[in-house]
Amino acid sequence: MSQISALSTIQRNGPLRVGDLARREQISKSSVTRLVARLEETDYLERRVDPDDGRSFVVVITAHGHDLLAASRQRANEFLAHQVGR
């Protein structure tokens, strides 16, 4: 769930620095750093040089990450439709 939440936050807000993502997700920077590493390993996001500060980087969702979010939303919608239909 934390991975989906982080990806959704990045999708809504655009590229973010790790510290900004930590603040928005209300978790520690070290936790977000580990989360970003896992998401990067699975090709759901990538790091890019921060256009405002070449010494930093921002995280950006990949096409694979967008696909994951779309599939997650589809499953949630199907679940809700099923519950409403009952």
C-alpha atoms as a PDB file:
ATOM      1  CA  MET A   1       0.000   0.000   0.000  1.00  0.00           C
ATOM      2  CA  SER A   2       2.838   2.420   0.747  1.00  0.00           C
ATOM      3  CA  GLN A   3       4.204   1.917  -2.759  1.00  0.00           C
ATOM      4  CA  ILE A   4       0.838   2.667  -4.361  1.00  0.00           C
ATOM      5  CA  SER A   5       0.416   5.695  -2.114  1.00  0.00           C
ATOM      6  CA  ALA A   6       3.846   7.078  -3.014  1.00  0.00           C
ATOM      7  CA  LEU A   7       3.298   6.506  -6.735  1.00  0.00           C
ATOM      8  CA  SER A   8      -0.110   8.192  -6.533  1.00  0.00           C
ATOM      9  CA  THR A   9       1.419  11.177  -4.756  1.00  0.00           C
ATOM     10  CA  ILE A  10       4.078  11.530  -7.440  1.00  0.00           C
ATOM     11  CA  GLN A  11       1.476  11.141 -10.186  1.00  0.00           C
ATOM     12  CA  ARG A  12      -0.697  13.896  -8.665  1.00  0.00           C
ATOM     13  CA  ASN A  13       2.163  16.301  -7.911  1.00  0.00           C
ATOM     14  CA  GLY A  14       4.715  15.593 -10.613  1.00  0.00           C
ATOM     15  CA  PRO A  15       8.413  14.947 -10.009  1.00  0.00           C
ATOM     16  CA  LEU A  16       9.340  15.286  -6.337  1.00  0.00           C
ATOM     17  CA  ARG A  17      12.493  15.295  -4.268  1.00  0.00           C
ATOM     18  CA  VAL A  18      12.676  12.489  -1.726  1.00  0.00           C
ATOM     19  CA  GLY A  19      12.287  14.931   1.174  1.00  0.00           C
ATOM     20  CA  ASP A  20       9.172  16.435  -0.390  1.00  0.00           C
ATOM     21  CA  LEU A  21       7.725  12.985  -0.949  1.00  0.00           C
ATOM     22  CA  ALA A  22       8.437  12.096   2.691  1.00  0.00           C
ATOM     23  CA  ARG A  23       6.589  15.195   3.882  1.00  0.00           C
ATOM     24  CA  ARG A  24       3.595  14.529   1.661  1.00  0.00           C
ATOM     25  CA  GLU A  25       3.442  10.868   2.707  1.00  0.00           C
ATOM     26  CA  GLN A  26       4.061  11.824   6.348  1.00  0.00           C
ATOM     27  CA  ILE A  27       6.839   9.276   6.833  1.00  0.00           C
ATOM     28  CA  SER A  28      10.543   9.620   7.556  1.00  0.00           C
ATOM     29  CA  LYS A  29      13.014  10.483   4.829  1.00  0.00           C
ATOM     30  CA  SER A  30      14.903   7.236   5.472  1.00  0.00           C
ATOM     31  CA  SER A  31      11.694   5.229   4.981  1.00  0.00           C
ATOM     32  CA  VAL A  32      10.992   7.039   1.713  1.00  0.00           C
ATOM     33  CA  THR A  33      14.570   6.453   0.580  1.00  0.00           C
ATOM     34  CA  ARG A  34      14.081   2.692   1.027  1.00  0.00           C
ATOM     35  CA  LEU A  35      10.663   2.872  -0.639  1.00  0.00           C
ATOM     36  CA  VAL A  36      12.090   4.774  -3.614  1.00  0.00           C
ATOM     37  CA  ALA A  37      14.894   2.211  -3.954  1.00  0.00           C
ATOM     38  CA  ARG A  38      12.355  -0.643  -4.109  1.00  0.00           C
ATOM     39  CA  LEU A  39      10.201   1.202  -6.634  1.00  0.00           C
ATOM     40  CA  GLU A  40      13.251   2.007  -8.727  1.00  0.00           C
ATOM     41  CA  GLU A  41      14.411  -1.649  -8.670  1.00  0.00           C
ATOM     42  CA  THR A  42      11.016  -2.750  -9.995  1.00  0.00           C
ATOM     43  CA  ASP A  43      10.995  -0.029 -12.679  1.00  0.00           C
ATOM     44  CA  TYR A  44       7.970   1.804 -11.260  1.00  0.00           C
ATOM     45  CA  LEU A  45       9.893   5.050 -10.946  1.00  0.00           C
ATOM     46  CA  GLU A  46      13.217   6.561 -11.854  1.00  0.00           C
ATOM     47  CA  ARG A  47      15.520   9.220 -10.500  1.00  0.00           C
ATOM     48  CA  ARG A  48      16.329  12.249 -12.608  1.00  0.00           C
ATOM     49  CA  VAL A  49      18.562  15.213 -11.991  1.00  0.00           C
ATOM     50  CA  ASP A  50      16.587  18.026 -10.375  1.00  0.00           C
ATOM     51  CA  PRO A  51      16.249  20.754 -13.021  1.00  0.00           C
ATOM     52  CA  ASP A  52      16.351  23.394 -10.269  1.00  0.00           C
ATOM     53  CA  ASP A  53      19.413  21.979  -8.475  1.00  0.00           C
ATOM     54  CA  GLY A  54      21.812  19.745 -10.379  1.00  0.00           C
ATOM     55  CA  ARG A  55      23.190  18.369  -7.093  1.00  0.00           C
ATOM     56  CA  SER A  56      19.839  16.768  -6.220  1.00  0.00           C
ATOM     57  CA  PHE A  57      17.455  14.412  -7.926  1.00  0.00           C
ATOM     58  CA  VAL A  58      13.717  14.019  -8.262  1.00  0.00           C
ATOM     59  CA  VAL A  59      11.676  10.841  -8.612  1.00  0.00           C
ATOM     60  CA  VAL A  60       9.397  10.381 -11.612  1.00  0.00           C
ATOM     61  CA  ILE A  61       6.883   7.634 -12.405  1.00  0.00           C
ATOM     62  CA  THR A  62       7.746   5.380 -15.344  1.00  0.00           C
ATOM     63  CA  ALA A  63       5.254   3.954 -17.827  1.00  0.00           C
ATOM     64  CA  HIS A  64       5.385   0.725 -15.818  1.00  0.00           C
ATOM     65  CA  GLY A  65       4.424   2.711 -12.679  1.00  0.00           C
ATOM     66  CA  HIS A  66       1.497   4.343 -14.486  1.00  0.00           C
ATOM     67  CA  ASP A  67       0.336   0.888 -15.575  1.00  0.00           C
ATOM     68  CA  LEU A  68       0.507  -0.364 -11.970  1.00  0.00           C
ATOM     69  CA  LEU A  69      -1.603   2.560 -10.735  1.00  0.00           C
ATOM     70  CA  ALA A  70      -4.167   2.042 -13.493  1.00  0.00           C
ATOM     71  CA  ALA A  71      -4.456  -1.671 -12.666  1.00  0.00           C
ATOM     72  CA  SER A  72      -4.767  -0.886  -8.955  1.00  0.00           C
ATOM     73  CA  ARG A  73      -7.548   1.605  -9.593  1.00  0.00           C
ATOM     74  CA  GLN A  74      -9.328  -0.862 -11.863  1.00  0.00           C
ATOM     75  CA  ARG A  75      -9.244  -3.563  -9.155  1.00  0.00           C
ATOM     76  CA  ALA A  76     -10.547  -1.091  -6.567  1.00  0.00           C
ATOM     77  CA  ASN A  77     -13.381  -0.006  -8.872  1.00  0.00           C
ATOM     78  CA  GLU A  78     -14.338  -3.622  -9.593  1.00  0.00           C
ATOM     79  CA  PHE A  79     -14.370  -4.414  -5.886  1.00  0.00           C
ATOM     80  CA  LEU A  80     -16.585  -1.428  -5.115  1.00  0.00           C
ATOM     81  CA  ALA A  81     -18.925  -2.239  -7.982  1.00  0.00           C
ATOM     82  CA  HIS A  82     -19.253  -5.773  -6.680  1.00  0.00           C
ATOM     83  CA  GLN A  83     -19.978  -4.534  -3.157  1.00  0.00           C
ATOM     84  CA  VAL A  84     -22.576  -2.059  -4.381  1.00  0.00           C
ATOM     85  CA  GLY A  85     -24.160  -4.749  -6.548  1.00  0.00           C
ATOM     86  CA  ARG A  86     -24.625  -6.997  -3.531  1.00  0.00           C
END
